[in-house]
């Protein structure tokens, strides 16, 4: 699964996801620190909003990636392009 935010791209490898064994760490982190753009659907994380809405409301807190690394299988990557000025 992939979706864009204002300045980043979030990639979740659903095939490598160990949910529910991780307790849905990414979804819980998104609810606690983020803007609730992730939900649980069919036992895996999915977008709770449209891709267009995710661009608008996601606060790019990185919590889903961090909590997946701590409690899950590390299958979330938030890519933020850096430009040298």
C-alpha atoms as a PDB file:
ATOM      1  CA  UNK A   1       0.000   0.000   0.000  1.00  0.00           C
ATOM      2  CA  UNK A   2       1.264   3.474  -0.868  1.00  0.00           C
ATOM      3  CA  UNK A   3      -0.094   6.911  -0.238  1.00  0.00           C
ATOM      4  CA  UNK A   4       1.226  10.441  -0.460  1.00  0.00           C
ATOM      5  CA  UNK A   5       1.313  13.189   2.093  1.00  0.00           C
ATOM      6  CA  UNK A   6       2.162  16.818   1.415  1.00  0.00           C
ATOM      7  CA  UNK A   7       5.905  16.211   1.272  1.00  0.00           C
ATOM      8  CA  UNK A   8       6.357  12.448   1.647  1.00  0.00           C
ATOM      9  CA  UNK A   9       5.268   9.012   0.508  1.00  0.00           C
ATOM     10  CA  UNK A  10       4.230   6.276   2.949  1.00  0.00           C
ATOM     11  CA  UNK A  11       4.832   2.691   1.844  1.00  0.00           C
ATOM     12  CA  UNK A  12       3.444  -0.274   3.810  1.00  0.00           C
ATOM     13  CA  UNK A  13       4.441  -3.786   2.719  1.00  0.00           C
ATOM     14  CA  UNK A  14       1.216  -5.580   3.600  1.00  0.00           C
ATOM     15  CA  UNK A  15       2.692  -8.967   2.660  1.00  0.00           C
ATOM     16  CA  UNK A  16       5.359  -8.599   5.361  1.00  0.00           C
ATOM     17  CA  UNK A  17       2.982  -7.107   7.936  1.00  0.00           C
ATOM     18  CA  UNK A  18       2.589  -9.238  11.078  1.00  0.00           C
ATOM     19  CA  UNK A  19      -0.709  -7.691  12.193  1.00  0.00           C
ATOM     20  CA  UNK A  20      -2.518  -8.511  14.413  1.00  0.00           C
ATOM     21  CA  UNK A  21       0.479  -9.980  16.283  1.00  0.00           C
ATOM     22  CA  UNK A  22       1.922  -6.469  16.723  1.00  0.00           C
ATOM     23  CA  UNK A  23      -1.324  -5.148  18.171  1.00  0.00           C
ATOM     24  CA  UNK A  24      -1.763  -2.871  15.132  1.00  0.00           C
ATOM     25  CA  UNK A  25       1.046  -0.638  16.374  1.00  0.00           C
ATOM     26  CA  UNK A  26       0.957   1.603  13.286  1.00  0.00           C
ATOM     27  CA  UNK A  27      -2.781   2.283  13.547  1.00  0.00           C
ATOM     28  CA  UNK A  28      -2.531   2.998  17.272  1.00  0.00           C
ATOM     29  CA  UNK A  29       0.410   5.352  16.690  1.00  0.00           C
ATOM     30  CA  UNK A  30      -1.496   7.165  13.947  1.00  0.00           C
ATOM     31  CA  UNK A  31      -4.441   7.651  16.311  1.00  0.00           C
ATOM     32  CA  UNK A  32      -2.242   8.835  19.176  1.00  0.00           C
ATOM     33  CA  UNK A  33       0.268  11.068  17.378  1.00  0.00           C
ATOM     34  CA  UNK A  34      -1.077  11.500  13.864  1.00  0.00           C
ATOM     35  CA  UNK A  35      -4.351  12.420  12.234  1.00  0.00           C
ATOM     36  CA  UNK A  36      -6.096   9.033  12.212  1.00  0.00           C
ATOM     37  CA  UNK A  37      -5.451   8.289   8.539  1.00  0.00           C
ATOM     38  CA  UNK A  38      -4.947   4.559   9.161  1.00  0.00           C
ATOM     39  CA  UNK A  39      -7.568   1.997  10.124  1.00  0.00           C
ATOM     40  CA  UNK A  40      -7.788  -1.778  10.455  1.00  0.00           C
ATOM     41  CA  UNK A  41      -9.428  -3.548   7.521  1.00  0.00           C
ATOM     42  CA  UNK A  42      -9.371  -7.294   6.927  1.00  0.00           C
ATOM     43  CA  UNK A  43      -6.738  -7.700   9.660  1.00  0.00           C
ATOM     44  CA  UNK A  44      -4.248  -5.259   8.108  1.00  0.00           C
ATOM     45  CA  UNK A  45      -3.687  -1.490   8.150  1.00  0.00           C
ATOM     46  CA  UNK A  46      -5.412   0.491   5.420  1.00  0.00           C
ATOM     47  CA  UNK A  47      -6.291   4.088   4.679  1.00  0.00           C
ATOM     48  CA  UNK A  48      -9.178   5.430   6.740  1.00  0.00           C
ATOM     49  CA  UNK A  49      -9.541   8.370   4.362  1.00  0.00           C
ATOM     50  CA  UNK A  50      -9.250   8.862   0.623  1.00  0.00           C
ATOM     51  CA  UNK A  51      -5.751   9.263  -0.834  1.00  0.00           C
ATOM     52  CA  UNK A  52      -6.583  12.913  -1.564  1.00  0.00           C
ATOM     53  CA  UNK A  53      -7.688  13.484   2.028  1.00  0.00           C
ATOM     54  CA  UNK A  54      -4.482  11.839   3.324  1.00  0.00           C
ATOM     55  CA  UNK A  55      -2.425  14.427   1.430  1.00  0.00           C
ATOM     56  CA  UNK A  56      -4.427  17.192   3.058  1.00  0.00           C
ATOM     57  CA  UNK A  57      -4.665  16.002   6.674  1.00  0.00           C
ATOM     58  CA  UNK A  58      -1.643  13.785   7.415  1.00  0.00           C
ATOM     59  CA  UNK A  59       0.751  15.597   9.777  1.00  0.00           C
ATOM     60  CA  UNK A  60       3.773  13.504   8.729  1.00  0.00           C
ATOM     61  CA  UNK A  61       4.656  12.608  12.315  1.00  0.00           C
ATOM     62  CA  UNK A  62       6.482   9.366  11.302  1.00  0.00           C
ATOM     63  CA  UNK A  63       4.900   7.546  14.268  1.00  0.00           C
ATOM     64  CA  UNK A  64       3.541   4.711  12.118  1.00  0.00           C
ATOM     65  CA  UNK A  65       7.026   3.886  10.834  1.00  0.00           C
ATOM     66  CA  UNK A  66       8.669   4.119  14.259  1.00  0.00           C
ATOM     67  CA  UNK A  67       6.060   2.012  16.046  1.00  0.00           C
ATOM     68  CA  UNK A  68       6.118  -0.600  13.282  1.00  0.00           C
ATOM     69  CA  UNK A  69       9.878  -0.885  13.776  1.00  0.00           C
ATOM     70  CA  UNK A  70       9.538  -1.110  17.568  1.00  0.00           C
ATOM     71  CA  UNK A  71       6.549  -3.467  17.825  1.00  0.00           C
ATOM     72  CA  UNK A  72       5.934  -4.912  14.369  1.00  0.00           C
ATOM     73  CA  UNK A  73       7.973  -6.186  11.479  1.00  0.00           C
ATOM     74  CA  UNK A  74       9.404  -2.898  10.207  1.00  0.00           C
ATOM     75  CA  UNK A  75       7.445  -2.918   6.960  1.00  0.00           C
ATOM     76  CA  UNK A  76       6.568   0.795   6.912  1.00  0.00           C
ATOM     77  CA  UNK A  77       8.789   3.287   5.177  1.00  0.00           C
ATOM     78  CA  UNK A  78       8.151   7.011   5.062  1.00  0.00           C
ATOM     79  CA  UNK A  79      10.125   8.519   2.205  1.00  0.00           C
ATOM     80  CA  UNK A  80      10.801  12.225   2.545  1.00  0.00           C
ATOM     81  CA  UNK A  81      12.829  13.670  -0.301  1.00  0.00           C
ATOM     82  CA  UNK A  82      15.526  16.039   0.897  1.00  0.00           C
ATOM     83  CA  UNK A  83      16.684  18.838  -1.321  1.00  0.00           C
ATOM     84  CA  UNK A  84      19.986  20.570  -0.760  1.00  0.00           C
ATOM     85  CA  UNK A  85      19.634  24.307  -1.211  1.00  0.00           C
END
